[in-house]
């Protein structure tokens, strides 16, 4: 099927005709036109958005060693999108919060991060105990954050962290 075939007998999807003072609305009965419009306006953009969200085009380009970039617009989004792990947030006032990043702003300079199941880390003693908050989450302004630490999982070691499509050490 070529575009010339689809467009050869093109008609509008919806037509409006004024007949003796009233406006009649009719829907095209051409199933090929209706399917084409649905695919081009809904299915195709959804597929492209899904591919971009999953970083698939850039992942292929990284495999071919054409680029080292991600499809995300910044490192902040890329990290929170790919690293599904507990974080520790070090605030400017030297308090520390530990929890799961649940929501985050797209701009690392402005906005908020929502941390679910937060606990405070008690830095008053050497044990660094957790202080339960009994809160669902904290909404923390990014402007109050000094830095964020992403926790290792039990299976991670220094050797296997350096492997992956981002690091040349792991692509031998």
Protein backbone atom coordinates (compact mmCIF):
# COMPACT_ATOMS: atom_id res chain seq x y z
CA UNK A 1 0.00 0.00 0.00
CA UNK A 2 1.51 3.30 -1.05
CA UNK A 3 0.57 6.79 0.02
CA UNK A 4 -0.56 7.49 -3.54
CA UNK A 5 -3.12 4.70 -3.24
CA UNK A 6 -4.44 6.07 0.07
CA UNK A 7 -4.58 9.69 -1.09
CA UNK A 8 -5.90 9.01 -4.61
CA UNK A 9 -9.55 9.07 -3.57
CA UNK A 10 -9.17 11.15 -0.45
CA UNK A 11 -12.20 12.63 1.24
CA UNK A 12 -12.51 14.39 4.60
CA UNK A 13 -13.23 12.21 7.62
CA UNK A 14 -16.07 14.53 8.68
CA UNK A 15 -18.02 16.74 6.29
CA UNK A 16 -20.37 19.57 7.12
CA UNK A 17 -23.06 20.54 4.60
CA UNK A 18 -25.66 23.26 4.95
CA UNK A 19 -28.94 22.14 3.48
CA UNK A 20 -31.94 24.50 3.68
CA UNK A 21 -30.68 26.31 6.79
CA UNK A 22 -29.56 23.26 8.77
CA UNK A 23 -26.06 21.87 9.01
CA UNK A 24 -25.69 18.16 8.36
CA UNK A 25 -22.63 16.31 9.66
CA UNK A 26 -21.56 13.10 7.98
CA UNK A 27 -18.72 10.70 8.72
CA UNK A 28 -16.75 9.10 5.93
CA UNK A 29 -17.69 5.51 5.20
CA UNK A 30 -14.31 4.76 3.64
CA UNK A 31 -12.78 2.30 6.14
CA UNK A 32 -9.30 2.66 4.64
CA UNK A 33 -9.35 6.42 5.27
CA UNK A 34 -10.60 5.98 8.84
CA UNK A 35 -7.94 3.35 9.64
CA UNK A 36 -5.23 5.49 8.02
CA UNK A 37 -6.23 8.53 10.08
CA UNK A 38 -6.33 6.51 13.31
CA UNK A 39 -2.93 4.95 12.64
CA UNK A 40 -1.26 8.21 11.59
CA UNK A 41 -2.74 10.36 14.34
CA UNK A 42 -2.88 7.98 17.31
CA UNK A 43 -1.04 4.66 16.91
CA UNK A 44 2.11 5.95 15.18
CA UNK A 45 2.77 8.79 17.69
CA UNK A 46 2.12 6.43 20.61
CA UNK A 47 4.63 3.94 19.21
CA UNK A 48 7.23 6.68 18.72
CA UNK A 49 6.67 7.97 22.27
CA UNK A 50 6.98 4.44 23.69
CA UNK A 51 10.23 3.83 21.79
CA UNK A 52 11.68 7.11 23.05
CA UNK A 53 10.56 6.46 26.62
CA UNK A 54 12.24 3.04 26.53
CA UNK A 55 15.39 4.61 25.00
CA UNK A 56 15.33 1.99 22.23
CA UNK A 57 16.62 4.07 19.27
CA UNK A 58 19.54 5.42 21.29
CA UNK A 59 20.23 1.99 22.80
CA UNK A 60 20.64 0.62 19.26
CA UNK A 61 22.90 3.52 18.33
CA UNK A 62 25.00 2.92 21.46
CA UNK A 63 25.33 -0.76 20.54
CA UNK A 64 26.59 0.29 17.10
CA UNK A 65 29.01 2.70 18.87
CA UNK A 66 27.55 5.66 16.99
CA UNK A 67 26.71 7.61 20.14
CA UNK A 68 26.89 7.48 23.91
CA UNK A 69 23.79 9.63 24.42
CA UNK A 70 20.43 8.75 25.88
CA UNK A 71 17.03 9.79 24.57
CA UNK A 72 16.33 11.63 27.83
CA UNK A 73 16.77 15.40 27.78
CA UNK A 74 19.12 15.49 30.79
CA UNK A 75 21.07 13.31 33.20
CA UNK A 76 18.57 13.96 35.99
CA UNK A 77 15.71 12.37 34.02
CA UNK A 78 17.91 9.63 32.62
CA UNK A 79 19.14 8.59 36.07
CA UNK A 80 15.75 8.59 37.75
CA UNK A 81 14.21 6.79 34.76
CA UNK A 82 16.78 3.97 34.67
CA UNK A 83 17.87 3.59 38.31
CA UNK A 84 14.99 1.98 40.20
CA UNK A 85 16.58 1.95 43.63
CA UNK A 86 16.44 3.52 47.07
CA UNK A 87 18.04 6.95 47.45
CA UNK A 88 19.48 9.08 50.21
CA UNK A 89 18.90 12.78 49.85
CA UNK A 90 21.42 15.05 51.53
CA UNK A 91 19.74 18.36 52.24
CA UNK A 92 21.54 21.71 52.39
CA UNK A 93 20.89 21.90 56.15
CA UNK A 94 22.81 18.59 56.59
CA UNK A 95 19.75 16.44 57.30
CA UNK A 96 19.49 13.14 55.38
CA UNK A 97 16.34 11.46 54.07
CA UNK A 98 16.22 7.89 52.77
CA UNK A 99 13.38 6.54 50.63
CA UNK A 100 12.12 5.56 47.18
CA UNK A 101 11.95 8.21 44.45
CA UNK A 102 8.33 8.11 43.38
CA UNK A 103 7.93 11.29 41.32
CA UNK A 104 10.42 13.91 40.17
CA UNK A 105 10.45 17.08 38.14
CA UNK A 106 11.79 17.00 34.59
CA UNK A 107 14.04 19.98 35.25
CA UNK A 108 16.89 19.33 37.72
CA UNK A 109 17.12 23.05 38.52
CA UNK A 110 13.50 23.62 39.40
CA UNK A 111 10.70 21.60 40.91
CA UNK A 112 10.34 18.82 43.43
CA UNK A 113 11.12 15.19 44.12
CA UNK A 114 8.56 13.01 45.90
CA UNK A 115 10.16 10.37 48.13
CA UNK A 116 7.90 7.50 49.24
CA UNK A 117 8.35 5.66 52.55
CA UNK A 118 10.83 8.24 53.85
CA UNK A 119 12.97 7.84 56.95
CA UNK A 120 15.28 10.37 58.53
CA UNK A 121 18.84 9.25 59.12
CA UNK A 122 20.01 10.14 62.59
CA UNK A 123 23.53 11.54 62.21
CA UNK A 124 23.84 12.41 65.91
CA UNK A 125 25.47 9.08 66.72
CA UNK A 126 27.90 6.72 64.97
CA UNK A 127 25.19 4.10 64.25
CA UNK A 128 23.27 6.37 61.85
CA UNK A 129 19.93 4.94 62.96
CA UNK A 130 16.76 5.41 60.97
CA UNK A 131 13.99 7.52 62.41
CA UNK A 132 10.63 6.38 61.05
CA UNK A 133 8.34 9.14 59.80
CA UNK A 134 5.12 7.13 59.39
CA UNK A 135 4.50 9.28 56.31
CA UNK A 136 3.56 8.09 52.84
CA UNK A 137 6.11 10.46 51.40
CA UNK A 138 7.91 13.79 51.40
CA UNK A 139 7.73 16.39 48.66
CA UNK A 140 11.17 17.97 48.67
CA UNK A 141 12.07 21.11 46.71
CA UNK A 142 15.07 20.45 44.50
CA UNK A 143 16.52 23.79 45.58
CA UNK A 144 16.99 22.41 49.12
CA UNK A 145 18.97 19.33 47.98
CA UNK A 146 22.76 19.25 48.23
CA UNK A 147 23.16 15.87 46.49
CA UNK A 148 21.48 12.48 46.06
CA UNK A 149 23.04 9.08 46.67
CA UNK A 150 21.71 6.01 44.85
CA UNK A 151 22.02 2.84 46.93
CA UNK A 152 23.58 -0.38 45.67
CA UNK A 153 21.54 -3.56 45.56
CA UNK A 154 22.77 -6.70 47.31
CA UNK A 155 24.04 -8.20 44.04
CA UNK A 156 26.03 -5.17 42.91
CA UNK A 157 29.78 -4.98 43.15
CA UNK A 158 32.27 -2.49 41.79
CA UNK A 159 33.01 -4.89 38.92
CA UNK A 160 29.43 -5.36 37.71
CA UNK A 161 28.46 -1.69 38.15
CA UNK A 162 31.01 -0.67 35.52
CA UNK A 163 29.51 -3.03 32.93
CA UNK A 164 26.78 -1.96 30.59
CA UNK A 165 26.12 -0.10 27.38
CA UNK A 166 27.27 3.19 28.94
CA UNK A 167 30.75 2.18 29.94
CA UNK A 168 33.48 1.15 27.54
CA UNK A 169 35.02 -1.10 30.24
CA UNK A 170 32.05 -3.43 30.00
CA UNK A 171 32.01 -3.76 26.19
CA UNK A 172 34.87 -6.10 25.40
